[in-house]
Amino acid sequence: MTTTPNHVSNANKVAAKAAIVAKREQLEHWSRTGLPFKGGVTPTVGEPYEFDWYPQSLRDFCRWDGSQNSPEIGPFRATAFQTLCSYPEEKATVTSLLAALEKLRLATIKRLDPKAALRDAEGQVLIERQLRAGALLGYRAARQQVRVLAASLADEQRAHRESIAHLSEQLEKAHRDVAALSAEVAALTATIRKVKPIRAVG
C-alpha cells in the first residue's frame, strides 16, 4: 500500500491530537486527586516536600513529554504550540485546568505549612490596608476637587450676577437717555411749530 503525503499529514494530526488529549486528561486527574509530589508520597503537615513538575503555562504544556516528571508519570509527547491553538476547545480547557492547578498548589501549601497560611493572611491584610489607604487618598482628592469646582462655580455665579447687574444699569441708563432725547425732540418740535407762523407772517 502506497503512503501518500495527505495520509501522513492526517496521521500526524491524529497523533498530535491524541497527545494533547492524553496530557489534558492527566491535568484533569491531578485537579481531582491533587498535585503530585516527588517520590509519589504525599507528605503530612510540617514535613518537607517538593511538588513533582507540572506545566504552569500553555507553552509548558506543549513542551511536556514526561521527561520532566518522576518515572511513574508519563511518558507523553511534546506538541507544537500552534497545534494546540488549532484546537480552541482543548486550549480553553487546558487554560482553565492550569488556573485550577495553581489554586490547588496554593491551597496545598497552606494545608501542609500553617506558617504559609499565616503569611498569606498577613499579606492579605496588608493588601487590604493598602487598598483602603488608596481609597482614602482617592476620596480626599475627589473631595478637594469638589471643593475647587464648587469655588469655581461660586466665582462664575458671582461674575454672572455682576454681569447681569452691569447690563441692568446700562439698560436703565439707555432708557433714561432715550427719555431725555424724546424730551429734547418734543421741545424742538414745539419750538419749530412756534417759529413757523412768525416766518409766514413776515
N, C-alpha and C. Protein backbone atom coordinates (compact mmCIF):
# COMPACT_ATOMS: atom_id res chain seq x y z
N MET A 1 0.85 -1.20 0.00
CA MET A 1 0.00 0.00 0.00
C MET A 1 0.88 1.25 0.00
N THR A 2 0.58 2.16 -0.90
CA THR A 2 1.37 3.38 -1.02
C THR A 2 0.89 4.41 0.00
N THR A 3 1.84 5.03 0.70
CA THR A 3 1.51 6.07 1.69
C THR A 3 1.62 7.43 1.03
N THR A 4 0.53 8.16 1.00
CA THR A 4 0.51 9.48 0.37
C THR A 4 0.84 10.55 1.40
N PRO A 5 1.29 11.73 0.93
CA PRO A 5 1.57 12.84 1.85
C PRO A 5 0.36 13.21 2.69
N ASN A 6 -0.82 13.19 2.08
CA ASN A 6 -2.03 13.53 2.83
C ASN A 6 -2.28 12.53 3.94
N HIS A 7 -2.01 11.25 3.64
CA HIS A 7 -2.21 10.21 4.64
C HIS A 7 -1.28 10.43 5.83
N VAL A 8 -0.03 10.77 5.54
CA VAL A 8 0.95 11.04 6.60
C VAL A 8 0.54 12.25 7.42
N SER A 9 0.08 13.30 6.73
CA SER A 9 -0.35 14.52 7.41
C SER A 9 -1.51 14.24 8.34
N ASN A 10 -2.48 13.48 7.86
CA ASN A 10 -3.64 13.15 8.69
C ASN A 10 -3.23 12.31 9.90
N ALA A 11 -2.31 11.38 9.67
CA ALA A 11 -1.84 10.54 10.77
C ALA A 11 -1.13 11.38 11.83
N ASN A 12 -0.35 12.35 11.39
CA ASN A 12 0.35 13.24 12.32
C ASN A 12 -0.64 14.08 13.13
N LYS A 13 -1.70 14.54 12.46
CA LYS A 13 -2.71 15.33 13.15
C LYS A 13 -3.41 14.50 14.21
N VAL A 14 -3.73 13.26 13.85
CA VAL A 14 -4.40 12.38 14.81
C VAL A 14 -3.50 12.12 16.01
N ALA A 15 -2.21 11.87 15.75
CA ALA A 15 -1.27 11.61 16.83
C ALA A 15 -1.09 12.84 17.72
N ALA A 16 -1.02 14.02 17.11
CA ALA A 16 -0.86 15.26 17.88
C ALA A 16 -2.08 15.51 18.75
N LYS A 17 -3.26 15.29 18.18
CA LYS A 17 -4.49 15.49 18.96
C LYS A 17 -4.54 14.50 20.13
N ALA A 18 -4.14 13.25 19.87
CA ALA A 18 -4.13 12.25 20.94
C ALA A 18 -3.15 12.63 22.05
N ALA A 19 -2.01 13.22 21.67
CA ALA A 19 -1.03 13.65 22.66
C ALA A 19 -1.58 14.76 23.54
N ILE A 20 -2.29 15.70 22.91
CA ILE A 20 -2.90 16.80 23.66
C ILE A 20 -3.95 16.26 24.62
N VAL A 21 -4.78 15.35 24.14
CA VAL A 21 -5.84 14.78 24.98
C VAL A 21 -5.24 14.03 26.16
N ALA A 22 -4.19 13.25 25.92
CA ALA A 22 -3.57 12.47 27.00
C ALA A 22 -3.03 13.39 28.10
N LYS A 23 -2.39 14.48 27.71
CA LYS A 23 -1.84 15.40 28.71
C LYS A 23 -2.96 16.17 29.41
N ARG A 24 -3.98 16.53 28.66
CA ARG A 24 -5.12 17.22 29.27
C ARG A 24 -5.80 16.31 30.30
N GLU A 25 -5.94 15.03 29.98
CA GLU A 25 -6.56 14.09 30.92
C GLU A 25 -5.71 13.93 32.18
N GLN A 26 -4.39 14.01 32.04
CA GLN A 26 -3.52 13.94 33.22
C GLN A 26 -3.75 15.16 34.12
N LEU A 27 -3.90 16.34 33.50
CA LEU A 27 -4.20 17.55 34.28
C LEU A 27 -5.54 17.41 34.99
N GLU A 28 -6.53 16.86 34.30
CA GLU A 28 -7.84 16.66 34.91
C GLU A 28 -7.73 15.71 36.11
N HIS A 29 -6.92 14.67 35.96
CA HIS A 29 -6.73 13.73 37.07
C HIS A 29 -6.11 14.44 38.27
N TRP A 30 -5.10 15.26 38.04
CA TRP A 30 -4.48 15.99 39.15
C TRP A 30 -5.43 16.99 39.78
N SER A 31 -6.29 17.60 38.96
CA SER A 31 -7.24 18.57 39.51
C SER A 31 -8.23 17.90 40.46
N ARG A 32 -8.45 16.58 40.27
CA ARG A 32 -9.36 15.84 41.14
C ARG A 32 -8.66 15.24 42.36
N THR A 33 -7.44 14.76 42.16
CA THR A 33 -6.75 14.00 43.21
C THR A 33 -5.66 14.78 43.93
N GLY A 34 -5.25 15.90 43.37
CA GLY A 34 -4.18 16.70 43.96
C GLY A 34 -2.91 16.63 43.14
N LEU A 35 -2.07 17.64 43.31
CA LEU A 35 -0.81 17.68 42.56
C LEU A 35 0.14 16.59 43.03
N PRO A 36 0.98 16.08 42.13
CA PRO A 36 1.91 15.02 42.52
C PRO A 36 3.10 15.58 43.30
N PHE A 37 3.67 14.73 44.15
CA PHE A 37 4.87 15.09 44.90
C PHE A 37 6.03 14.23 44.42
N LYS A 38 7.23 14.77 44.55
CA LYS A 38 8.42 14.00 44.21
C LYS A 38 8.44 12.71 45.04
N GLY A 39 8.70 11.60 44.40
CA GLY A 39 8.73 10.32 45.10
C GLY A 39 7.38 9.66 45.20
N GLY A 40 6.31 10.37 44.82
CA GLY A 40 4.98 9.78 44.83
C GLY A 40 4.37 9.62 46.20
N VAL A 41 4.97 10.18 47.24
CA VAL A 41 4.45 10.05 48.61
C VAL A 41 3.90 11.40 49.06
N THR A 42 2.65 11.40 49.51
CA THR A 42 2.03 12.64 49.99
C THR A 42 2.50 12.94 51.40
N PRO A 43 3.11 14.08 51.62
CA PRO A 43 3.64 14.41 52.96
C PRO A 43 2.53 14.78 53.92
N THR A 44 2.84 14.70 55.21
CA THR A 44 1.92 15.18 56.23
C THR A 44 2.31 16.61 56.60
N VAL A 45 1.45 17.23 57.41
CA VAL A 45 1.67 18.63 57.79
C VAL A 45 3.01 18.78 58.51
N GLY A 46 3.79 19.72 58.07
CA GLY A 46 5.07 20.01 58.70
C GLY A 46 6.24 19.28 58.09
N GLU A 47 6.00 18.25 57.29
CA GLU A 47 7.09 17.52 56.66
C GLU A 47 7.61 18.28 55.45
N PRO A 48 8.90 18.17 55.17
CA PRO A 48 9.43 18.80 53.94
C PRO A 48 8.86 18.09 52.72
N TYR A 49 8.64 18.84 51.67
CA TYR A 49 8.07 18.24 50.46
C TYR A 49 8.50 19.05 49.24
N GLU A 50 8.28 18.45 48.09
CA GLU A 50 8.55 19.13 46.83
C GLU A 50 7.56 18.62 45.80
N PHE A 51 6.89 19.52 45.14
CA PHE A 51 5.95 19.11 44.10
C PHE A 51 6.72 18.50 42.93
N ASP A 52 6.12 17.49 42.33
CA ASP A 52 6.66 17.00 41.07
C ASP A 52 6.39 18.07 40.01
N TRP A 53 7.13 18.00 38.92
CA TRP A 53 6.96 19.00 37.87
C TRP A 53 5.58 18.87 37.24
N TYR A 54 5.00 20.00 36.93
CA TYR A 54 3.75 20.01 36.15
C TYR A 54 3.73 21.31 35.35
N PRO A 55 3.05 21.33 34.22
CA PRO A 55 3.04 22.53 33.38
C PRO A 55 2.30 23.67 34.06
N GLN A 56 2.86 24.86 33.96
CA GLN A 56 2.22 26.04 34.56
C GLN A 56 1.86 27.09 33.51
N SER A 57 2.08 26.77 32.26
CA SER A 57 1.70 27.67 31.16
C SER A 57 1.36 26.81 29.95
N LEU A 58 0.75 27.42 28.96
CA LEU A 58 0.40 26.68 27.74
C LEU A 58 1.64 26.18 27.02
N ARG A 59 2.69 26.96 27.03
CA ARG A 59 3.92 26.53 26.35
C ARG A 59 4.60 25.40 27.13
N ASP A 60 4.50 25.45 28.46
CA ASP A 60 4.97 24.30 29.25
C ASP A 60 4.20 23.05 28.86
N PHE A 61 2.89 23.21 28.73
CA PHE A 61 2.03 22.08 28.38
C PHE A 61 2.45 21.48 27.04
N CYS A 62 2.76 22.35 26.08
CA CYS A 62 3.14 21.86 24.75
C CYS A 62 4.50 21.14 24.79
N ARG A 63 5.45 21.67 25.57
CA ARG A 63 6.78 21.05 25.66
C ARG A 63 6.80 19.78 26.50
N TRP A 64 5.79 19.60 27.29
CA TRP A 64 5.72 18.49 28.24
C TRP A 64 5.76 17.14 27.52
N ASP A 65 6.75 16.32 27.86
CA ASP A 65 6.85 14.99 27.26
C ASP A 65 7.04 13.90 28.31
N GLY A 66 6.93 14.28 29.59
CA GLY A 66 7.07 13.30 30.67
C GLY A 66 8.47 13.18 31.21
N SER A 67 9.47 13.64 30.46
CA SER A 67 10.85 13.54 30.94
C SER A 67 11.11 14.45 32.13
N GLN A 68 10.23 15.44 32.31
CA GLN A 68 10.38 16.38 33.42
C GLN A 68 9.90 15.78 34.75
N ASN A 69 9.17 14.66 34.66
CA ASN A 69 8.49 14.10 35.83
C ASN A 69 9.20 12.88 36.40
N SER A 70 8.66 12.44 37.53
CA SER A 70 9.10 11.17 38.10
C SER A 70 8.76 10.04 37.13
N PRO A 71 9.45 8.90 37.24
CA PRO A 71 9.24 7.81 36.28
C PRO A 71 7.80 7.30 36.21
N GLU A 72 7.07 7.39 37.33
CA GLU A 72 5.71 6.85 37.33
C GLU A 72 4.72 7.73 36.57
N ILE A 73 5.15 8.91 36.14
CA ILE A 73 4.28 9.82 35.38
C ILE A 73 4.74 9.84 33.92
N GLY A 74 3.82 9.68 33.02
CA GLY A 74 4.15 9.73 31.59
C GLY A 74 4.44 8.35 31.04
N PRO A 75 5.12 8.28 29.89
CA PRO A 75 5.61 9.41 29.08
C PRO A 75 4.49 10.06 28.27
N PHE A 76 4.80 11.27 27.79
CA PHE A 76 3.87 11.98 26.92
C PHE A 76 4.63 12.41 25.66
N ARG A 77 3.90 13.06 24.79
CA ARG A 77 4.51 13.52 23.55
C ARG A 77 4.43 15.04 23.50
N ALA A 78 5.55 15.69 23.21
CA ALA A 78 5.56 17.14 23.04
C ALA A 78 4.79 17.51 21.77
N THR A 79 4.15 18.66 21.82
CA THR A 79 3.38 19.14 20.67
C THR A 79 3.71 20.61 20.43
N ALA A 80 3.53 21.04 19.20
CA ALA A 80 3.78 22.44 18.87
C ALA A 80 2.67 23.32 19.44
N PHE A 81 3.03 24.54 19.81
CA PHE A 81 2.05 25.48 20.35
C PHE A 81 0.96 25.76 19.33
N GLN A 82 1.34 25.89 18.06
CA GLN A 82 0.35 26.15 17.01
C GLN A 82 -0.62 24.98 16.88
N THR A 83 -0.13 23.78 17.15
CA THR A 83 -1.02 22.61 17.09
C THR A 83 -2.10 22.72 18.15
N LEU A 84 -1.70 23.10 19.37
CA LEU A 84 -2.68 23.30 20.43
C LEU A 84 -3.67 24.39 20.06
N CYS A 85 -3.17 25.47 19.46
CA CYS A 85 -4.04 26.59 19.06
C CYS A 85 -5.05 26.18 17.99
N SER A 86 -4.73 25.13 17.25
CA SER A 86 -5.65 24.69 16.19
C SER A 86 -6.83 23.92 16.77
N TYR A 87 -6.81 23.67 18.07
CA TYR A 87 -7.94 23.03 18.75
C TYR A 87 -8.40 23.96 19.87
N PRO A 88 -9.21 24.97 19.54
CA PRO A 88 -9.59 26.01 20.51
C PRO A 88 -10.23 25.46 21.78
N GLU A 89 -11.06 24.43 21.64
CA GLU A 89 -11.74 23.89 22.83
C GLU A 89 -10.72 23.26 23.78
N GLU A 90 -9.77 22.50 23.22
CA GLU A 90 -8.74 21.90 24.05
C GLU A 90 -7.88 22.98 24.72
N LYS A 91 -7.55 24.00 23.95
CA LYS A 91 -6.74 25.10 24.50
C LYS A 91 -7.45 25.77 25.66
N ALA A 92 -8.75 26.04 25.49
CA ALA A 92 -9.52 26.68 26.55
C ALA A 92 -9.60 25.79 27.79
N THR A 93 -9.79 24.49 27.57
CA THR A 93 -9.87 23.56 28.70
C THR A 93 -8.55 23.50 29.45
N VAL A 94 -7.45 23.41 28.70
CA VAL A 94 -6.13 23.36 29.33
C VAL A 94 -5.85 24.64 30.11
N THR A 95 -6.24 25.78 29.55
CA THR A 95 -6.05 27.07 30.24
C THR A 95 -6.77 27.07 31.58
N SER A 96 -8.01 26.59 31.59
CA SER A 96 -8.79 26.53 32.83
C SER A 96 -8.16 25.56 33.83
N LEU A 97 -7.67 24.43 33.32
CA LEU A 97 -7.04 23.45 34.21
C LEU A 97 -5.77 23.99 34.84
N LEU A 98 -4.97 24.72 34.06
CA LEU A 98 -3.74 25.30 34.61
C LEU A 98 -4.06 26.29 35.73
N ALA A 99 -5.12 27.09 35.54
CA ALA A 99 -5.53 28.03 36.58
C ALA A 99 -6.01 27.27 37.82
N ALA A 100 -6.75 26.18 37.61
CA ALA A 100 -7.25 25.39 38.73
C ALA A 100 -6.09 24.74 39.50
N LEU A 101 -5.08 24.26 38.77
CA LEU A 101 -3.93 23.64 39.43
C LEU A 101 -3.12 24.65 40.23
N GLU A 102 -3.06 25.88 39.76
CA GLU A 102 -2.35 26.92 40.52
C GLU A 102 -3.06 27.19 41.84
N LYS A 103 -4.40 27.26 41.79
CA LYS A 103 -5.16 27.44 43.03
C LYS A 103 -4.96 26.24 43.96
N LEU A 104 -4.93 25.04 43.35
CA LEU A 104 -4.73 23.83 44.14
C LEU A 104 -3.34 23.83 44.79
N ARG A 105 -2.35 24.31 44.06
CA ARG A 105 -0.99 24.38 44.61
C ARG A 105 -0.95 25.28 45.84
N LEU A 106 -1.56 26.46 45.72
CA LEU A 106 -1.58 27.40 46.85
C LEU A 106 -2.33 26.82 48.04
N ALA A 107 -3.45 26.15 47.77
CA ALA A 107 -4.23 25.54 48.84
C ALA A 107 -3.43 24.42 49.52
N THR A 108 -2.68 23.66 48.74
CA THR A 108 -1.87 22.57 49.30
C THR A 108 -0.75 23.12 50.17
N ILE A 109 -0.12 24.20 49.72
CA ILE A 109 0.94 24.83 50.52
C ILE A 109 0.39 25.29 51.86
N LYS A 110 -0.78 25.90 51.85
CA LYS A 110 -1.39 26.36 53.10
C LYS A 110 -1.71 25.19 54.02
N ARG A 111 -2.18 24.10 53.42
CA ARG A 111 -2.56 22.93 54.23
C ARG A 111 -1.34 22.27 54.87
N LEU A 112 -0.25 22.18 54.13
CA LEU A 112 0.94 21.49 54.63
C LEU A 112 1.85 22.39 55.45
N ASP A 113 1.69 23.70 55.31
CA ASP A 113 2.55 24.64 56.03
C ASP A 113 1.69 25.72 56.67
N PRO A 114 1.27 25.53 57.93
CA PRO A 114 0.42 26.53 58.59
C PRO A 114 1.04 27.92 58.60
N LYS A 115 2.38 27.99 58.68
CA LYS A 115 3.03 29.30 58.67
C LYS A 115 2.79 30.01 57.34
N ALA A 116 2.75 29.22 56.26
CA ALA A 116 2.48 29.82 54.95
C ALA A 116 1.08 30.42 54.92
N ALA A 117 0.13 29.71 55.56
CA ALA A 117 -1.23 30.23 55.63
C ALA A 117 -1.27 31.54 56.41
N LEU A 118 -0.48 31.58 57.51
CA LEU A 118 -0.42 32.81 58.31
C LEU A 118 0.20 33.94 57.51
N ARG A 119 1.29 33.62 56.78
CA ARG A 119 1.92 34.65 55.95
C ARG A 119 0.96 35.14 54.88
N ASP A 120 0.20 34.22 54.31
CA ASP A 120 -0.76 34.61 53.28
C ASP A 120 -1.83 35.52 53.87
N ALA A 121 -2.31 35.17 55.08
CA ALA A 121 -3.33 36.00 55.73
C ALA A 121 -2.77 37.39 56.03
N GLU A 122 -1.52 37.43 56.52
CA GLU A 122 -0.89 38.72 56.79
C GLU A 122 -0.73 39.53 55.51
N GLY A 123 -0.39 38.82 54.43
CA GLY A 123 -0.27 39.50 53.14
C GLY A 123 -1.59 40.07 52.68
N GLN A 124 -2.67 39.30 52.89
CA GLN A 124 -4.00 39.78 52.51
C GLN A 124 -4.39 41.00 53.32
N VAL A 125 -4.05 40.99 54.63
CA VAL A 125 -4.34 42.15 55.48
C VAL A 125 -3.58 43.37 54.99
N LEU A 126 -2.31 43.17 54.63
CA LEU A 126 -1.50 44.28 54.12
C LEU A 126 -2.09 44.84 52.83
N ILE A 127 -2.50 43.93 51.94
CA ILE A 127 -3.11 44.37 50.68
C ILE A 127 -4.39 45.15 50.95
N GLU A 128 -5.19 44.65 51.91
CA GLU A 128 -6.45 45.33 52.25
C GLU A 128 -6.17 46.73 52.80
N ARG A 129 -5.15 46.83 53.65
CA ARG A 129 -4.79 48.15 54.19
C ARG A 129 -4.34 49.10 53.09
N GLN A 130 -3.56 48.57 52.16
CA GLN A 130 -3.09 49.40 51.05
C GLN A 130 -4.26 49.87 50.19
N LEU A 131 -5.20 48.95 49.97
CA LEU A 131 -6.38 49.32 49.18
C LEU A 131 -7.20 50.39 49.88
N ARG A 132 -7.34 50.23 51.21
CA ARG A 132 -8.09 51.23 51.96
C ARG A 132 -7.38 52.58 51.95
N ALA A 133 -6.04 52.53 52.11
CA ALA A 133 -5.27 53.78 52.07
C ALA A 133 -5.42 54.45 50.72
N GLY A 134 -5.36 53.64 49.65
CA GLY A 134 -5.53 54.20 48.31
C GLY A 134 -6.92 54.78 48.12
N ALA A 135 -7.93 54.07 48.65
CA ALA A 135 -9.30 54.57 48.54
C ALA A 135 -9.46 55.87 49.31
N LEU A 136 -8.81 55.96 50.50
CA LEU A 136 -8.90 57.19 51.29
C LEU A 136 -8.24 58.35 50.56
N LEU A 137 -7.09 58.09 49.96
CA LEU A 137 -6.42 59.14 49.19
C LEU A 137 -7.29 59.59 48.02
N GLY A 138 -7.90 58.60 47.36
CA GLY A 138 -8.78 58.93 46.24
C GLY A 138 -9.97 59.75 46.70
N TYR A 139 -10.53 59.40 47.89
CA TYR A 139 -11.67 60.14 48.42
C TYR A 139 -11.27 61.58 48.74
N ARG A 140 -10.09 61.72 49.37
CA ARG A 140 -9.63 63.08 49.72
C ARG A 140 -9.38 63.91 48.47
N ALA A 141 -8.78 63.28 47.46
CA ALA A 141 -8.52 64.00 46.22
C ALA A 141 -9.83 64.40 45.55
N ALA A 142 -10.81 63.49 45.57
CA ALA A 142 -12.11 63.80 44.96
C ALA A 142 -12.81 64.92 45.73
N ARG A 143 -12.71 64.86 47.07
CA ARG A 143 -13.34 65.91 47.88
C ARG A 143 -12.70 67.26 47.61
N GLN A 144 -11.37 67.28 47.49
CA GLN A 144 -10.68 68.53 47.18
C GLN A 144 -11.10 69.05 45.81
N GLN A 145 -11.25 68.12 44.86
CA GLN A 145 -11.67 68.52 43.52
C GLN A 145 -13.07 69.12 43.55
N VAL A 146 -13.95 68.52 44.37
CA VAL A 146 -15.31 69.05 44.51
C VAL A 146 -15.26 70.46 45.09
N ARG A 147 -14.39 70.64 46.08
CA ARG A 147 -14.27 71.98 46.68
C ARG A 147 -13.80 73.00 45.65
N VAL A 148 -12.81 72.62 44.86
CA VAL A 148 -12.29 73.53 43.83
C VAL A 148 -13.38 73.85 42.82
N LEU A 149 -14.12 72.83 42.40
CA LEU A 149 -15.19 73.05 41.43
C LEU A 149 -16.29 73.92 42.02
N ALA A 150 -16.60 73.68 43.31
CA ALA A 150 -17.63 74.49 43.96
C ALA A 150 -17.20 75.95 44.03
N ALA A 151 -15.92 76.17 44.39
CA ALA A 151 -15.41 77.54 44.45
C ALA A 151 -15.43 78.19 43.07
N SER A 152 -15.05 77.41 42.06
CA SER A 152 -15.06 77.93 40.70
C SER A 152 -16.47 78.27 40.26
N LEU A 153 -17.43 77.39 40.62
CA LEU A 153 -18.82 77.64 40.27
C LEU A 153 -19.33 78.89 40.99
N ALA A 154 -18.95 79.05 42.26
CA ALA A 154 -19.36 80.25 43.00
C ALA A 154 -18.80 81.51 42.35
N ASP A 155 -17.54 81.44 41.92
CA ASP A 155 -16.94 82.59 41.24
C ASP A 155 -17.69 82.90 39.95
N GLU A 156 -18.02 81.84 39.21
CA GLU A 156 -18.75 82.06 37.95
C GLU A 156 -20.13 82.65 38.21
N GLN A 157 -20.80 82.16 39.26
CA GLN A 157 -22.13 82.69 39.59
C GLN A 157 -22.03 84.15 40.01
N ARG A 158 -20.99 84.47 40.80
CA ARG A 158 -20.81 85.86 41.23
C ARG A 158 -20.53 86.76 40.02
N ALA A 159 -19.66 86.28 39.12
CA ALA A 159 -19.36 87.05 37.92
C ALA A 159 -20.61 87.21 37.06
N HIS A 160 -21.43 86.15 37.02
CA HIS A 160 -22.66 86.21 36.23
C HIS A 160 -23.61 87.25 36.82
N ARG A 161 -23.74 87.24 38.16
CA ARG A 161 -24.61 88.23 38.80
C ARG A 161 -24.10 89.65 38.55
N GLU A 162 -22.77 89.82 38.63
CA GLU A 162 -22.20 91.15 38.39
C GLU A 162 -22.45 91.59 36.95
N SER A 163 -22.34 90.65 36.00
CA SER A 163 -22.60 90.99 34.60
C SER A 163 -24.04 91.40 34.40
N ILE A 164 -24.97 90.65 35.05
CA ILE A 164 -26.39 91.00 34.93
C ILE A 164 -26.66 92.38 35.53
N ALA A 165 -26.03 92.66 36.69
CA ALA A 165 -26.22 93.96 37.33
C ALA A 165 -25.69 95.08 36.43
N HIS A 166 -24.52 94.84 35.83
CA HIS A 166 -23.93 95.85 34.94
C HIS A 166 -24.82 96.08 33.73
N LEU A 167 -25.33 95.00 33.14
CA LEU A 167 -26.21 95.13 31.98
C LEU A 167 -27.51 95.85 32.35
N SER A 168 -28.01 95.56 33.56
CA SER A 168 -29.24 96.23 34.01
C SER A 168 -29.01 97.73 34.15
N GLU A 169 -27.85 98.09 34.70
CA GLU A 169 -27.52 99.52 34.82
C GLU A 169 -27.43 100.17 33.45
N GLN A 170 -26.77 99.49 32.50
CA GLN A 170 -26.67 100.05 31.16
C GLN A 170 -28.04 100.20 30.51
N LEU A 171 -28.91 99.20 30.75
CA LEU A 171 -30.25 99.27 30.17
C LEU A 171 -31.04 100.43 30.76
N GLU A 172 -30.94 100.60 32.08
CA GLU A 172 -31.64 101.72 32.72
C GLU A 172 -31.10 103.06 32.20
N LYS A 173 -29.78 103.14 32.04
CA LYS A 173 -29.18 104.36 31.52
C LYS A 173 -29.67 104.63 30.10
N ALA A 174 -29.76 103.56 29.29
CA ALA A 174 -30.26 103.72 27.92
C ALA A 174 -31.69 104.22 27.92
N HIS A 175 -32.51 103.68 28.87
CA HIS A 175 -33.90 104.15 28.97
C HIS A 175 -33.93 105.64 29.33
N ARG A 176 -33.05 106.02 30.27
CA ARG A 176 -33.01 107.44 30.66
C ARG A 176 -32.56 108.31 29.49
N ASP A 177 -31.55 107.84 28.75
CA ASP A 177 -31.06 108.62 27.61
C ASP A 177 -32.15 108.77 26.56
N VAL A 178 -32.88 107.66 26.30
CA VAL A 178 -33.97 107.72 25.31
C VAL A 178 -35.05 108.70 25.77
N ALA A 179 -35.36 108.65 27.07
CA ALA A 179 -36.38 109.56 27.59
C ALA A 179 -35.93 111.01 27.45
N ALA A 180 -34.64 111.26 27.75
CA ALA A 180 -34.11 112.63 27.63
C ALA A 180 -34.14 113.09 26.19
N LEU A 181 -33.72 112.22 25.26
CA LEU A 181 -33.75 112.58 23.84
C LEU A 181 -35.17 112.84 23.36
N SER A 182 -36.10 112.00 23.85
CA SER A 182 -37.51 112.20 23.46
C SER A 182 -38.01 113.56 23.93
N ALA A 183 -37.58 113.95 25.14
CA ALA A 183 -37.99 115.25 25.66
C ALA A 183 -37.39 116.37 24.83
N GLU A 184 -36.11 116.23 24.44
CA GLU A 184 -35.47 117.24 23.62
C GLU A 184 -36.17 117.36 22.27
N VAL A 185 -36.50 116.20 21.67
CA VAL A 185 -37.18 116.22 20.37
C VAL A 185 -38.53 116.91 20.50
N ALA A 186 -39.24 116.61 21.57
CA ALA A 186 -40.56 117.23 21.78
C ALA A 186 -40.42 118.75 21.93
N ALA A 187 -39.37 119.16 22.67
CA ALA A 187 -39.15 120.60 22.87
C ALA A 187 -38.81 121.28 21.56
N LEU A 188 -37.93 120.65 20.76
CA LEU A 188 -37.56 121.22 19.47
C LEU A 188 -38.77 121.29 18.55
N THR A 189 -39.59 120.24 18.58
CA THR A 189 -40.78 120.23 17.73
C THR A 189 -41.72 121.38 18.10
N ALA A 190 -41.86 121.59 19.38
CA ALA A 190 -42.73 122.68 19.83
C ALA A 190 -42.16 124.03 19.41
N THR A 191 -40.86 124.19 19.50
CA THR A 191 -40.21 125.44 19.11
C THR A 191 -40.41 125.69 17.63
N ILE A 192 -40.24 124.64 16.81
CA ILE A 192 -40.40 124.78 15.36
C ILE A 192 -41.82 125.21 15.03
N ARG A 193 -42.78 124.63 15.73
CA ARG A 193 -44.17 124.98 15.45
C ARG A 193 -44.45 126.46 15.78
N LYS A 194 -43.77 126.92 16.81
CA LYS A 194 -43.96 128.32 17.17
C LYS A 194 -43.30 129.25 16.17
N VAL A 195 -42.14 128.83 15.65
CA VAL A 195 -41.38 129.68 14.73
C VAL A 195 -42.06 129.77 13.38
N LYS A 196 -42.66 128.73 12.88
CA LYS A 196 -43.25 128.70 11.53
C LYS A 196 -44.31 129.79 11.33
N PRO A 197 -45.23 130.03 12.22
CA PRO A 197 -46.22 131.09 11.99
C PRO A 197 -45.59 132.48 11.90
N ILE A 198 -44.53 132.70 12.68
CA ILE A 198 -43.87 134.00 12.65
C ILE A 198 -43.26 134.23 11.28
N ARG A 199 -42.61 133.22 10.71
CA ARG A 199 -42.00 133.35 9.39
C ARG A 199 -43.07 133.57 8.32
N ALA A 200 -44.19 132.92 8.48
CA ALA A 200 -45.26 133.07 7.48
C ALA A 200 -45.79 134.49 7.47
N VAL A 201 -45.87 135.13 8.63
CA VAL A 201 -46.36 136.50 8.70
C VAL A 201 -45.36 137.44 8.08
N GLY A 202 -44.11 137.28 8.34
CA GLY A 202 -43.05 138.14 7.80
C GLY A 202 -43.01 138.05 6.31
